[in-house]
Amino acid sequence: YFIALKDGFHMVKSTHWGKTMLPVKEVPTLPEYKASSILWYPEQRIQTDMLAQIWGFFAQVFKDIQSEAMVYLTHKNGEYRVFVPPQKVTKVAVKATFNPADIGDWQVVGTIHSHCDFSAYHSGTDMHDADGMDGLHITLGNVNLVQPSIAIMISVNKIKWDLKPDEILSDGMPKHPTPHPVWWHRYVEKDVPVTHVTNYNGGYQSGNY
């Protein structure tokens, strides 16, 4: 028989001389499984109007200072809220400082960041950032156009699933950006290019595309 311990699986086997417990790489009696899908709860969809506000925020940041920006997506009691952390930004990078005390009992469940006037995709840096944070990760690109591009993924234990807008947004992609709170811009500061060291507890970074 097999035992699961902190350092992995072990096989317990009886011999003429007694029982042995040996580490093994796999349990041959169990079926094979590859993570290829995720159980997605439709009621957890994000309001399209919220993404329209975020798009408007990203578009205005790009118009004003030609830079990226990012927000955290937080959740409590079935409600989503945008949290804009203090961040230093460039056209190819954003470094945010995150203090859990600032969001109280809200839970961070995702990140959304912009790719300015180029296409949305999951860059190597984005993939690495997602490895350090289970949750939803959205990139909005071409924020200056009449319709932005979008890349969406959920990351769990460094395994990722791509999603389509209709799977995550209540009414699909927004048709146009909408007004957002002006005070969001207080937390965005133009910066020089930075070296990327991702640490979810200390902040979120993306860039070097």
N, C-alpha and C. Protein backbone atom coordinates (compact mmCIF):
# COMPACT_ATOMS: atom_id res chain seq x y z
N TYR A 1 0.85 -1.18 0.00
CA TYR A 1 0.00 0.00 0.00
C TYR A 1 0.89 1.24 0.00
N PHE A 2 0.24 2.40 -0.22
CA PHE A 2 0.99 3.64 -0.39
C PHE A 2 0.55 4.67 0.66
N ILE A 3 1.50 5.49 1.07
CA ILE A 3 1.24 6.55 2.03
C ILE A 3 1.70 7.88 1.43
N ALA A 4 0.88 8.90 1.55
CA ALA A 4 1.25 10.24 1.10
C ALA A 4 1.79 11.02 2.28
N LEU A 5 3.05 11.44 2.19
CA LEU A 5 3.70 12.23 3.23
C LEU A 5 4.13 13.58 2.67
N LYS A 6 4.71 14.41 3.50
CA LYS A 6 5.09 15.76 3.11
C LYS A 6 6.03 15.76 1.90
N ASP A 7 6.94 14.80 1.86
CA ASP A 7 7.92 14.79 0.78
C ASP A 7 7.51 13.91 -0.40
N GLY A 8 6.24 13.47 -0.45
CA GLY A 8 5.78 12.69 -1.59
C GLY A 8 5.17 11.36 -1.19
N PHE A 9 5.03 10.47 -2.20
CA PHE A 9 4.43 9.16 -1.96
C PHE A 9 5.49 8.15 -1.52
N HIS A 10 5.05 7.22 -0.66
CA HIS A 10 5.91 6.15 -0.19
C HIS A 10 5.15 4.83 -0.28
N MET A 11 5.85 3.80 -0.69
CA MET A 11 5.26 2.47 -0.79
C MET A 11 5.66 1.64 0.42
N VAL A 12 4.67 1.04 1.05
CA VAL A 12 4.93 0.13 2.17
C VAL A 12 4.80 -1.30 1.64
N LYS A 13 5.88 -2.06 1.79
CA LYS A 13 5.91 -3.40 1.20
C LYS A 13 6.42 -4.40 2.24
N SER A 14 5.72 -5.52 2.35
CA SER A 14 6.13 -6.57 3.28
C SER A 14 7.08 -7.53 2.60
N THR A 15 8.13 -7.91 3.31
CA THR A 15 9.07 -8.93 2.83
C THR A 15 9.22 -10.00 3.91
N HIS A 16 9.95 -11.01 3.57
CA HIS A 16 10.22 -12.09 4.54
C HIS A 16 10.87 -11.54 5.80
N TRP A 17 11.64 -10.47 5.65
CA TRP A 17 12.41 -9.94 6.77
C TRP A 17 11.73 -8.78 7.48
N GLY A 18 10.59 -8.38 6.99
CA GLY A 18 9.88 -7.29 7.63
C GLY A 18 9.33 -6.29 6.61
N LYS A 19 8.70 -5.24 7.10
CA LYS A 19 8.12 -4.23 6.22
C LYS A 19 9.14 -3.15 5.89
N THR A 20 9.06 -2.64 4.68
CA THR A 20 9.89 -1.51 4.27
C THR A 20 8.97 -0.38 3.79
N MET A 21 9.44 0.84 3.90
CA MET A 21 8.72 1.99 3.37
C MET A 21 9.68 2.75 2.47
N LEU A 22 9.37 2.77 1.16
CA LEU A 22 10.29 3.29 0.17
C LEU A 22 9.65 4.46 -0.58
N PRO A 23 10.41 5.52 -0.84
CA PRO A 23 9.87 6.62 -1.65
C PRO A 23 9.66 6.19 -3.10
N VAL A 24 8.58 6.62 -3.70
CA VAL A 24 8.29 6.31 -5.10
C VAL A 24 7.89 7.59 -5.82
N LYS A 25 8.09 7.62 -7.14
CA LYS A 25 7.76 8.80 -7.93
C LYS A 25 6.28 8.87 -8.29
N GLU A 26 5.61 7.71 -8.28
CA GLU A 26 4.20 7.69 -8.64
C GLU A 26 3.52 6.51 -7.96
N VAL A 27 2.18 6.55 -7.98
CA VAL A 27 1.39 5.43 -7.45
C VAL A 27 0.80 4.70 -8.64
N PRO A 28 1.36 3.57 -9.03
CA PRO A 28 0.94 2.91 -10.27
C PRO A 28 -0.51 2.44 -10.27
N THR A 29 -1.10 2.27 -9.10
CA THR A 29 -2.47 1.76 -9.04
C THR A 29 -3.52 2.86 -9.25
N LEU A 30 -3.07 4.12 -9.28
CA LEU A 30 -4.01 5.23 -9.46
C LEU A 30 -4.11 5.62 -10.93
N PRO A 31 -5.26 6.14 -11.36
CA PRO A 31 -5.40 6.54 -12.77
C PRO A 31 -4.58 7.77 -13.07
N GLU A 32 -4.20 7.92 -14.36
CA GLU A 32 -3.47 9.10 -14.78
C GLU A 32 -4.44 10.27 -14.95
N TYR A 33 -3.91 11.47 -14.70
CA TYR A 33 -4.73 12.66 -14.88
C TYR A 33 -3.85 13.83 -15.27
N LYS A 34 -4.29 14.57 -16.23
CA LYS A 34 -3.60 15.79 -16.63
C LYS A 34 -4.54 16.97 -16.46
N ALA A 35 -4.04 18.01 -15.82
CA ALA A 35 -4.86 19.21 -15.63
C ALA A 35 -5.11 19.86 -16.98
N SER A 36 -6.34 19.81 -17.44
CA SER A 36 -6.63 20.34 -18.77
C SER A 36 -7.86 21.24 -18.77
N SER A 37 -8.51 21.37 -17.64
CA SER A 37 -9.69 22.22 -17.58
C SER A 37 -9.87 22.72 -16.15
N ILE A 38 -10.76 23.66 -16.00
CA ILE A 38 -11.04 24.21 -14.67
C ILE A 38 -12.54 24.31 -14.50
N LEU A 39 -13.01 24.02 -13.30
CA LEU A 39 -14.42 24.18 -13.01
C LEU A 39 -14.71 25.66 -12.85
N TRP A 40 -15.50 26.22 -13.75
CA TRP A 40 -15.74 27.65 -13.78
C TRP A 40 -17.18 27.92 -13.35
N TYR A 41 -17.36 28.83 -12.42
CA TYR A 41 -18.68 29.14 -11.90
C TYR A 41 -19.25 30.35 -12.64
N PRO A 42 -20.28 30.16 -13.46
CA PRO A 42 -20.83 31.27 -14.25
C PRO A 42 -21.27 32.46 -13.40
N GLU A 43 -21.73 32.20 -12.17
CA GLU A 43 -22.21 33.31 -11.34
C GLU A 43 -21.08 34.21 -10.86
N GLN A 44 -19.83 33.81 -11.10
CA GLN A 44 -18.68 34.61 -10.68
C GLN A 44 -18.22 35.59 -11.75
N ARG A 45 -19.00 35.72 -12.82
CA ARG A 45 -18.59 36.62 -13.89
C ARG A 45 -18.42 38.07 -13.40
N ILE A 46 -17.49 38.76 -14.04
CA ILE A 46 -17.22 40.17 -13.72
C ILE A 46 -18.17 41.04 -14.53
N GLN A 47 -18.64 42.12 -13.93
CA GLN A 47 -19.53 43.03 -14.64
C GLN A 47 -18.79 43.70 -15.79
N THR A 48 -19.40 43.65 -16.96
CA THR A 48 -18.82 44.30 -18.13
C THR A 48 -18.62 45.79 -17.89
N ASP A 49 -19.55 46.42 -17.16
CA ASP A 49 -19.43 47.85 -16.86
C ASP A 49 -18.16 48.15 -16.07
N MET A 50 -17.76 47.24 -15.20
CA MET A 50 -16.54 47.44 -14.41
C MET A 50 -15.32 47.43 -15.33
N LEU A 51 -15.29 46.48 -16.27
CA LEU A 51 -14.16 46.44 -17.20
C LEU A 51 -14.14 47.68 -18.08
N ALA A 52 -15.32 48.21 -18.42
CA ALA A 52 -15.39 49.44 -19.23
C ALA A 52 -14.75 50.61 -18.48
N GLN A 53 -14.97 50.67 -17.16
CA GLN A 53 -14.34 51.72 -16.34
C GLN A 53 -12.82 51.54 -16.33
N ILE A 54 -12.38 50.30 -16.16
CA ILE A 54 -10.94 50.03 -16.12
C ILE A 54 -10.31 50.37 -17.47
N TRP A 55 -10.99 50.01 -18.55
CA TRP A 55 -10.50 50.37 -19.89
C TRP A 55 -10.35 51.89 -20.00
N GLY A 56 -11.36 52.63 -19.52
CA GLY A 56 -11.28 54.09 -19.55
C GLY A 56 -10.09 54.61 -18.76
N PHE A 57 -9.84 54.00 -17.62
CA PHE A 57 -8.70 54.38 -16.78
C PHE A 57 -7.39 54.13 -17.52
N PHE A 58 -7.24 52.93 -18.08
CA PHE A 58 -6.02 52.60 -18.81
C PHE A 58 -5.82 53.52 -20.01
N ALA A 59 -6.91 53.81 -20.72
CA ALA A 59 -6.81 54.67 -21.90
C ALA A 59 -6.38 56.09 -21.51
N GLN A 60 -6.89 56.59 -20.39
CA GLN A 60 -6.54 57.94 -19.96
C GLN A 60 -5.09 58.00 -19.49
N VAL A 61 -4.63 56.97 -18.78
CA VAL A 61 -3.23 56.92 -18.36
C VAL A 61 -2.32 56.93 -19.59
N PHE A 62 -2.68 56.13 -20.59
CA PHE A 62 -1.86 56.10 -21.80
C PHE A 62 -1.88 57.45 -22.51
N LYS A 63 -3.03 58.08 -22.58
CA LYS A 63 -3.13 59.38 -23.23
C LYS A 63 -2.31 60.45 -22.50
N ASP A 64 -2.33 60.38 -21.16
CA ASP A 64 -1.66 61.41 -20.36
C ASP A 64 -0.16 61.22 -20.28
N ILE A 65 0.29 59.99 -20.04
CA ILE A 65 1.72 59.77 -19.78
C ILE A 65 2.33 58.62 -20.59
N GLN A 66 1.56 58.10 -21.57
CA GLN A 66 2.09 57.06 -22.46
C GLN A 66 2.63 55.86 -21.67
N SER A 67 1.86 55.38 -20.71
CA SER A 67 2.33 54.31 -19.84
C SER A 67 1.25 53.26 -19.59
N GLU A 68 1.70 52.12 -19.11
CA GLU A 68 0.81 51.08 -18.63
C GLU A 68 0.20 51.49 -17.29
N ALA A 69 -0.73 50.68 -16.82
CA ALA A 69 -1.27 50.82 -15.48
C ALA A 69 -1.86 49.46 -15.09
N MET A 70 -2.17 49.29 -13.81
CA MET A 70 -2.76 48.03 -13.37
C MET A 70 -3.70 48.27 -12.20
N VAL A 71 -4.60 47.31 -11.99
CA VAL A 71 -5.49 47.31 -10.83
C VAL A 71 -5.59 45.88 -10.32
N TYR A 72 -5.92 45.78 -9.05
CA TYR A 72 -6.27 44.49 -8.47
C TYR A 72 -7.78 44.33 -8.51
N LEU A 73 -8.24 43.12 -8.72
CA LEU A 73 -9.65 42.79 -8.64
C LEU A 73 -9.89 42.13 -7.28
N THR A 74 -10.75 42.73 -6.47
CA THR A 74 -11.02 42.19 -5.14
C THR A 74 -12.48 41.74 -5.05
N HIS A 75 -12.75 40.89 -4.06
CA HIS A 75 -14.09 40.28 -3.96
C HIS A 75 -14.48 40.11 -2.50
N LYS A 76 -15.77 40.33 -2.22
CA LYS A 76 -16.32 40.07 -0.89
C LYS A 76 -17.83 39.92 -1.01
N ASN A 77 -18.36 38.84 -0.45
CA ASN A 77 -19.81 38.63 -0.39
C ASN A 77 -20.50 38.78 -1.74
N GLY A 78 -19.88 38.20 -2.78
CA GLY A 78 -20.49 38.22 -4.10
C GLY A 78 -20.31 39.50 -4.87
N GLU A 79 -19.55 40.44 -4.34
CA GLU A 79 -19.34 41.74 -5.00
C GLU A 79 -17.87 41.92 -5.37
N TYR A 80 -17.63 42.45 -6.56
CA TYR A 80 -16.28 42.78 -7.00
C TYR A 80 -16.01 44.26 -6.80
N ARG A 81 -14.76 44.58 -6.53
CA ARG A 81 -14.36 45.97 -6.38
C ARG A 81 -12.97 46.15 -6.98
N VAL A 82 -12.75 47.30 -7.61
CA VAL A 82 -11.44 47.62 -8.16
C VAL A 82 -10.60 48.27 -7.07
N PHE A 83 -9.37 47.79 -6.93
CA PHE A 83 -8.42 48.41 -6.00
C PHE A 83 -7.23 48.89 -6.82
N VAL A 84 -6.96 50.19 -6.76
CA VAL A 84 -5.84 50.78 -7.50
C VAL A 84 -4.70 51.01 -6.52
N PRO A 85 -3.63 50.23 -6.61
CA PRO A 85 -2.52 50.39 -5.68
C PRO A 85 -1.56 51.48 -6.15
N PRO A 86 -0.74 52.01 -5.26
CA PRO A 86 0.32 52.92 -5.70
C PRO A 86 1.23 52.20 -6.70
N GLN A 87 1.54 52.85 -7.80
CA GLN A 87 2.31 52.18 -8.86
C GLN A 87 3.19 53.17 -9.61
N LYS A 88 4.35 52.68 -9.98
CA LYS A 88 5.26 53.42 -10.85
C LYS A 88 5.23 52.75 -12.21
N VAL A 89 5.08 53.55 -13.26
CA VAL A 89 4.77 52.98 -14.56
C VAL A 89 5.66 53.53 -15.67
N THR A 90 5.82 52.73 -16.71
CA THR A 90 6.43 53.14 -17.96
C THR A 90 5.57 52.56 -19.08
N LYS A 91 5.99 52.76 -20.31
CA LYS A 91 5.20 52.21 -21.42
C LYS A 91 5.29 50.70 -21.49
N VAL A 92 6.30 50.11 -20.86
CA VAL A 92 6.46 48.66 -20.92
C VAL A 92 6.52 48.01 -19.55
N ALA A 93 6.16 48.73 -18.50
CA ALA A 93 6.27 48.14 -17.18
C ALA A 93 5.39 48.86 -16.18
N VAL A 94 4.95 48.12 -15.18
CA VAL A 94 4.24 48.71 -14.06
C VAL A 94 4.63 47.95 -12.79
N LYS A 95 5.05 48.70 -11.79
CA LYS A 95 5.42 48.10 -10.51
C LYS A 95 4.51 48.70 -9.45
N ALA A 96 3.71 47.83 -8.83
CA ALA A 96 2.75 48.29 -7.83
C ALA A 96 3.16 47.82 -6.44
N THR A 97 2.84 48.62 -5.46
CA THR A 97 3.09 48.26 -4.07
C THR A 97 1.77 47.87 -3.43
N PHE A 98 1.71 46.65 -2.92
CA PHE A 98 0.46 46.14 -2.37
C PHE A 98 0.58 45.92 -0.87
N ASN A 99 -0.30 46.55 -0.11
CA ASN A 99 -0.37 46.37 1.34
C ASN A 99 -1.72 45.73 1.66
N PRO A 100 -1.75 44.46 2.10
CA PRO A 100 -3.03 43.79 2.37
C PRO A 100 -3.94 44.57 3.30
N ALA A 101 -3.35 45.36 4.22
CA ALA A 101 -4.17 46.12 5.16
C ALA A 101 -5.04 47.15 4.46
N ASP A 102 -4.63 47.56 3.24
CA ASP A 102 -5.37 48.60 2.52
C ASP A 102 -6.73 48.11 2.01
N ILE A 103 -6.90 46.79 1.88
CA ILE A 103 -8.17 46.28 1.34
C ILE A 103 -9.04 45.63 2.41
N GLY A 104 -8.59 45.65 3.67
CA GLY A 104 -9.41 45.11 4.75
C GLY A 104 -9.74 43.65 4.55
N ASP A 105 -11.03 43.31 4.66
CA ASP A 105 -11.44 41.91 4.54
C ASP A 105 -11.85 41.54 3.12
N TRP A 106 -11.51 42.39 2.15
CA TRP A 106 -11.71 42.01 0.74
C TRP A 106 -10.58 41.07 0.33
N GLN A 107 -10.89 40.18 -0.59
CA GLN A 107 -9.91 39.20 -1.07
C GLN A 107 -9.44 39.55 -2.47
N VAL A 108 -8.14 39.58 -2.68
CA VAL A 108 -7.61 39.78 -4.03
C VAL A 108 -7.81 38.50 -4.83
N VAL A 109 -8.54 38.60 -5.95
CA VAL A 109 -8.83 37.42 -6.76
C VAL A 109 -8.28 37.54 -8.18
N GLY A 110 -7.63 38.67 -8.48
CA GLY A 110 -7.09 38.79 -9.82
C GLY A 110 -6.37 40.11 -10.05
N THR A 111 -5.78 40.22 -11.23
CA THR A 111 -5.09 41.44 -11.65
C THR A 111 -5.54 41.78 -13.07
N ILE A 112 -5.55 43.07 -13.35
CA ILE A 112 -5.83 43.55 -14.71
C ILE A 112 -4.82 44.63 -15.02
N HIS A 113 -4.09 44.50 -16.12
CA HIS A 113 -3.13 45.52 -16.49
C HIS A 113 -3.19 45.79 -17.99
N SER A 114 -2.62 46.92 -18.40
CA SER A 114 -2.72 47.34 -19.79
C SER A 114 -1.42 47.09 -20.55
N HIS A 115 -1.56 47.01 -21.87
CA HIS A 115 -0.42 46.93 -22.78
C HIS A 115 -0.36 48.15 -23.68
N CYS A 116 -0.88 49.25 -23.18
CA CYS A 116 -0.83 50.51 -23.94
C CYS A 116 -1.44 50.36 -25.32
N ASP A 117 -0.67 50.74 -26.37
CA ASP A 117 -1.20 50.74 -27.72
C ASP A 117 -0.77 49.52 -28.52
N PHE A 118 -0.31 48.46 -27.83
CA PHE A 118 0.00 47.23 -28.56
C PHE A 118 -0.85 46.08 -28.05
N SER A 119 -0.77 44.94 -28.73
CA SER A 119 -1.72 43.86 -28.53
C SER A 119 -1.64 43.25 -27.13
N ALA A 120 -2.78 42.72 -26.70
CA ALA A 120 -2.84 42.01 -25.42
C ALA A 120 -2.39 40.56 -25.63
N TYR A 121 -1.50 40.12 -24.78
CA TYR A 121 -1.08 38.72 -24.76
C TYR A 121 -0.39 38.49 -23.43
N HIS A 122 -0.18 37.23 -23.09
CA HIS A 122 0.47 36.90 -21.84
C HIS A 122 1.98 36.82 -22.08
N SER A 123 2.68 37.87 -21.72
CA SER A 123 4.13 37.89 -21.91
C SER A 123 4.79 36.94 -20.92
N GLY A 124 6.07 36.71 -21.12
CA GLY A 124 6.82 35.86 -20.20
C GLY A 124 6.76 36.39 -18.78
N THR A 125 6.84 37.72 -18.65
CA THR A 125 6.75 38.33 -17.32
C THR A 125 5.37 38.12 -16.73
N ASP A 126 4.32 38.27 -17.56
CA ASP A 126 2.95 38.05 -17.07
C ASP A 126 2.77 36.62 -16.59
N MET A 127 3.31 35.67 -17.34
CA MET A 127 3.19 34.26 -16.96
C MET A 127 3.91 34.00 -15.64
N HIS A 128 5.07 34.61 -15.49
CA HIS A 128 5.83 34.44 -14.25
C HIS A 128 5.10 35.07 -13.08
N ASP A 129 4.53 36.25 -13.29
CA ASP A 129 3.76 36.90 -12.23
C ASP A 129 2.58 36.03 -11.80
N ALA A 130 1.90 35.44 -12.78
CA ALA A 130 0.73 34.61 -12.49
C ALA A 130 1.12 33.36 -11.70
N ASP A 131 2.35 32.89 -11.89
CA ASP A 131 2.80 31.73 -11.12
C ASP A 131 2.79 32.03 -9.62
N GLY A 132 2.96 33.28 -9.26
CA GLY A 132 3.03 33.65 -7.86
C GLY A 132 1.69 34.06 -7.27
N MET A 133 0.62 33.99 -8.05
CA MET A 133 -0.69 34.39 -7.55
C MET A 133 -1.80 33.61 -8.22
N ASP A 134 -2.44 32.74 -7.47
CA ASP A 134 -3.62 32.04 -7.98
C ASP A 134 -4.72 33.06 -8.25
N GLY A 135 -5.35 32.96 -9.39
CA GLY A 135 -6.46 33.88 -9.67
C GLY A 135 -6.59 34.21 -11.13
N LEU A 136 -7.40 35.22 -11.40
CA LEU A 136 -7.68 35.68 -12.75
C LEU A 136 -6.69 36.76 -13.15
N HIS A 137 -6.19 36.69 -14.37
CA HIS A 137 -5.23 37.68 -14.86
C HIS A 137 -5.66 38.13 -16.25
N ILE A 138 -5.97 39.40 -16.36
CA ILE A 138 -6.46 39.97 -17.63
C ILE A 138 -5.48 41.04 -18.11
N THR A 139 -5.19 40.99 -19.41
CA THR A 139 -4.39 42.03 -20.06
C THR A 139 -5.26 42.72 -21.10
N LEU A 140 -5.31 44.05 -21.05
CA LEU A 140 -5.99 44.84 -22.07
C LEU A 140 -4.95 45.54 -22.93
N GLY A 141 -5.01 45.30 -24.23
CA GLY A 141 -4.10 45.95 -25.16
C GLY A 141 -4.85 46.90 -26.07
N ASN A 142 -4.11 47.70 -26.84
CA ASN A 142 -4.71 48.63 -27.80
C ASN A 142 -5.80 49.47 -27.13
N VAL A 143 -5.50 49.98 -25.93
CA VAL A 143 -6.52 50.69 -25.15
C VAL A 143 -6.90 52.03 -25.78
N ASN A 144 -6.14 52.47 -26.77
CA ASN A 144 -6.42 53.74 -27.45
C ASN A 144 -7.35 53.57 -28.66
N LEU A 145 -7.72 52.34 -28.98
CA LEU A 145 -8.56 52.10 -30.14
C LEU A 145 -10.03 51.99 -29.74
N VAL A 146 -10.90 51.89 -30.75
CA VAL A 146 -12.34 51.83 -30.47
C VAL A 146 -12.73 50.50 -29.83
N GLN A 147 -11.88 49.50 -29.93
CA GLN A 147 -12.10 48.23 -29.27
C GLN A 147 -10.74 47.67 -28.85
N PRO A 148 -10.53 47.45 -27.56
CA PRO A 148 -9.23 46.94 -27.12
C PRO A 148 -9.09 45.45 -27.42
N SER A 149 -7.86 44.97 -27.42
CA SER A 149 -7.63 43.53 -27.46
C SER A 149 -7.55 43.04 -26.02
N ILE A 150 -7.78 41.76 -25.82
CA ILE A 150 -7.82 41.23 -24.46
C ILE A 150 -7.25 39.82 -24.42
N ALA A 151 -6.55 39.52 -23.34
CA ALA A 151 -6.05 38.17 -23.07
C ALA A 151 -6.43 37.84 -21.63
N ILE A 152 -7.03 36.67 -21.42
CA ILE A 152 -7.55 36.30 -20.11
C ILE A 152 -7.05 34.91 -19.73
N MET A 153 -6.58 34.78 -18.52
CA MET A 153 -6.21 33.45 -18.03
C MET A 153 -6.49 33.34 -16.54
N ILE A 154 -6.70 32.11 -16.12
CA ILE A 154 -6.76 31.79 -14.69
C ILE A 154 -5.55 30.93 -14.39
N SER A 155 -4.87 31.24 -13.30
CA SER A 155 -3.68 30.49 -12.90
C SER A 155 -3.93 29.87 -11.53
N VAL A 156 -3.65 28.57 -11.41
CA VAL A 156 -3.76 27.86 -10.13
C VAL A 156 -2.57 26.92 -10.02
N ASN A 157 -1.75 27.15 -8.99
CA ASN A 157 -0.56 26.30 -8.79
C ASN A 157 0.30 26.23 -10.04
N LYS A 158 0.47 27.38 -10.71
CA LYS A 158 1.31 27.51 -11.89
C LYS A 158 0.74 26.81 -13.12
N ILE A 159 -0.47 26.30 -13.04
CA ILE A 159 -1.15 25.74 -14.20
C ILE A 159 -2.17 26.77 -14.66
N LYS A 160 -2.24 27.00 -15.97
CA LYS A 160 -3.03 28.11 -16.49
C LYS A 160 -4.07 27.65 -17.52
N TRP A 161 -5.18 28.35 -17.51
CA TRP A 161 -6.24 28.12 -18.48
C TRP A 161 -6.61 29.44 -19.12
N ASP A 162 -6.71 29.45 -20.44
CA ASP A 162 -7.14 30.65 -21.15
C ASP A 162 -8.67 30.69 -21.20
N LEU A 163 -9.22 31.88 -21.08
CA LEU A 163 -10.67 32.06 -21.14
C LEU A 163 -11.02 33.08 -22.21
N LYS A 164 -12.26 32.98 -22.70
CA LYS A 164 -12.77 33.94 -23.66
C LYS A 164 -13.58 35.01 -22.91
N PRO A 165 -13.70 36.21 -23.49
CA PRO A 165 -14.44 37.27 -22.81
C PRO A 165 -15.84 36.86 -22.36
N ASP A 166 -16.56 36.12 -23.20
CA ASP A 166 -17.93 35.73 -22.85
C ASP A 166 -17.97 34.77 -21.66
N GLU A 167 -16.84 34.14 -21.35
CA GLU A 167 -16.81 33.21 -20.22
C GLU A 167 -16.58 33.91 -18.90
N ILE A 168 -16.07 35.13 -18.93
CA ILE A 168 -15.69 35.81 -17.69
C ILE A 168 -16.46 37.12 -17.48
N LEU A 169 -16.98 37.71 -18.55
CA LEU A 169 -17.66 39.00 -18.44
C LEU A 169 -19.17 38.82 -18.53
N SER A 170 -19.90 39.57 -17.74
CA SER A 170 -21.35 39.39 -17.66
C SER A 170 -22.06 39.62 -18.99
N ASP A 171 -21.57 40.61 -19.77
CA ASP A 171 -22.21 40.93 -21.05
C ASP A 171 -21.20 41.01 -22.18
N GLY A 172 -20.15 40.22 -22.11
CA GLY A 172 -19.13 40.24 -23.14
C GLY A 172 -18.29 41.51 -23.08
N MET A 173 -17.52 41.74 -24.11
CA MET A 173 -16.63 42.90 -24.14
C MET A 173 -17.43 44.20 -24.14
N PRO A 174 -16.94 45.21 -23.39
CA PRO A 174 -17.61 46.52 -23.43
C PRO A 174 -17.48 47.15 -24.80
N LYS A 175 -18.48 47.92 -25.17
CA LYS A 175 -18.49 48.58 -26.49
C LYS A 175 -17.66 49.86 -26.50
N HIS A 176 -17.51 50.47 -25.34
CA HIS A 176 -16.74 51.71 -25.24
C HIS A 176 -16.32 51.90 -23.80
N PRO A 177 -15.27 52.70 -23.57
CA PRO A 177 -14.85 52.98 -22.19
C PRO A 177 -15.86 53.89 -21.51
N THR A 178 -15.95 53.79 -20.19
CA THR A 178 -16.86 54.63 -19.43
C THR A 178 -16.09 55.40 -18.37
N PRO A 179 -16.68 56.48 -17.84
CA PRO A 179 -15.99 57.29 -16.84
C PRO A 179 -15.59 56.47 -15.61
N HIS A 180 -14.47 56.83 -15.04
CA HIS A 180 -13.95 56.17 -13.84
C HIS A 180 -13.62 57.24 -12.81
N PRO A 181 -13.48 56.85 -11.54
CA PRO A 181 -13.14 57.85 -10.52
C PRO A 181 -11.83 58.55 -10.82
N VAL A 182 -11.83 59.87 -10.78
CA VAL A 182 -10.64 60.65 -11.09
C VAL A 182 -9.51 60.35 -10.11
N TRP A 183 -9.86 60.05 -8.87
CA TRP A 183 -8.82 59.83 -7.86
C TRP A 183 -7.97 58.60 -8.11
N TRP A 184 -8.43 57.71 -9.00
CA TRP A 184 -7.59 56.55 -9.35
C TRP A 184 -6.21 57.02 -9.83
N HIS A 185 -6.16 58.16 -10.50
CA HIS A 185 -4.91 58.62 -11.10
C HIS A 185 -3.89 59.09 -10.06
N ARG A 186 -4.35 59.34 -8.85
CA ARG A 186 -3.41 59.78 -7.80
C ARG A 186 -2.35 58.72 -7.52
N TYR A 187 -2.68 57.48 -7.81
CA TYR A 187 -1.79 56.38 -7.44
C TYR A 187 -0.87 55.95 -8.57
N VAL A 188 -0.90 56.65 -9.68
CA VAL A 188 -0.09 56.31 -10.84
C VAL A 188 1.00 57.35 -11.02
N GLU A 189 2.24 56.89 -11.02
CA GLU A 189 3.39 57.80 -11.12
C GLU A 189 4.31 57.34 -12.25
N LYS A 190 4.64 58.26 -13.13
CA LYS A 190 5.57 57.97 -14.22
C LYS A 190 6.94 57.62 -13.66
N ASP A 191 7.56 56.59 -14.22
CA ASP A 191 8.85 56.12 -13.70
C ASP A 191 9.77 55.79 -14.86
N VAL A 192 11.04 55.59 -14.54
CA VAL A 192 12.00 55.11 -15.51
C VAL A 192 11.86 53.59 -15.57
N PRO A 193 12.36 52.94 -16.65
CA PRO A 193 12.28 51.47 -16.72
C PRO A 193 12.89 50.82 -15.49
N VAL A 194 12.23 49.74 -15.06
CA VAL A 194 12.67 49.05 -13.85
C VAL A 194 13.10 47.63 -14.17
N THR A 195 13.90 47.06 -13.29
CA THR A 195 14.25 45.65 -13.39
C THR A 195 13.17 44.85 -12.68
N HIS A 196 12.69 43.80 -13.33
CA HIS A 196 11.52 43.10 -12.83
C HIS A 196 11.88 41.97 -11.87
N VAL A 197 11.46 42.13 -10.66
CA VAL A 197 11.55 41.07 -9.66
C VAL A 197 10.16 40.94 -9.07
N THR A 198 9.45 39.90 -9.44
CA THR A 198 8.05 39.78 -9.07
C THR A 198 7.92 39.18 -7.67
N ASN A 199 7.11 39.82 -6.86
CA ASN A 199 6.84 39.33 -5.52
C ASN A 199 5.43 39.76 -5.19
N TYR A 200 4.50 38.81 -5.16
CA TYR A 200 3.10 39.16 -4.95
C TYR A 200 2.90 39.89 -3.63
N ASN A 201 3.63 39.47 -2.59
CA ASN A 201 3.46 40.11 -1.30
C ASN A 201 3.97 41.55 -1.31
N GLY A 202 4.93 41.81 -2.19
CA GLY A 202 5.50 43.15 -2.22
C GLY A 202 5.00 44.00 -3.36
N GLY A 203 4.31 43.39 -4.31
CA GLY A 203 3.82 44.18 -5.43
C GLY A 203 3.68 43.34 -6.67
N TYR A 204 3.15 43.92 -7.71
CA TYR A 204 2.94 43.23 -8.97
C TYR A 204 3.68 43.96 -10.05
N GLN A 205 4.34 43.19 -10.92
CA GLN A 205 5.06 43.82 -12.02
C GLN A 205 4.73 43.13 -13.33
N SER A 206 4.77 43.90 -14.38
CA SER A 206 4.71 43.32 -15.71
C SER A 206 5.55 44.19 -16.61
N GLY A 207 6.05 43.60 -17.68
CA GLY A 207 6.83 44.42 -18.60
C GLY A 207 7.91 43.63 -19.30
N ASN A 208 8.87 44.35 -19.89
CA ASN A 208 9.94 43.74 -20.68
C ASN A 208 9.34 42.82 -21.75
N TYR A 209 8.41 43.35 -22.55
CA TYR A 209 7.74 42.51 -23.54
C TYR A 209 8.62 42.35 -24.77
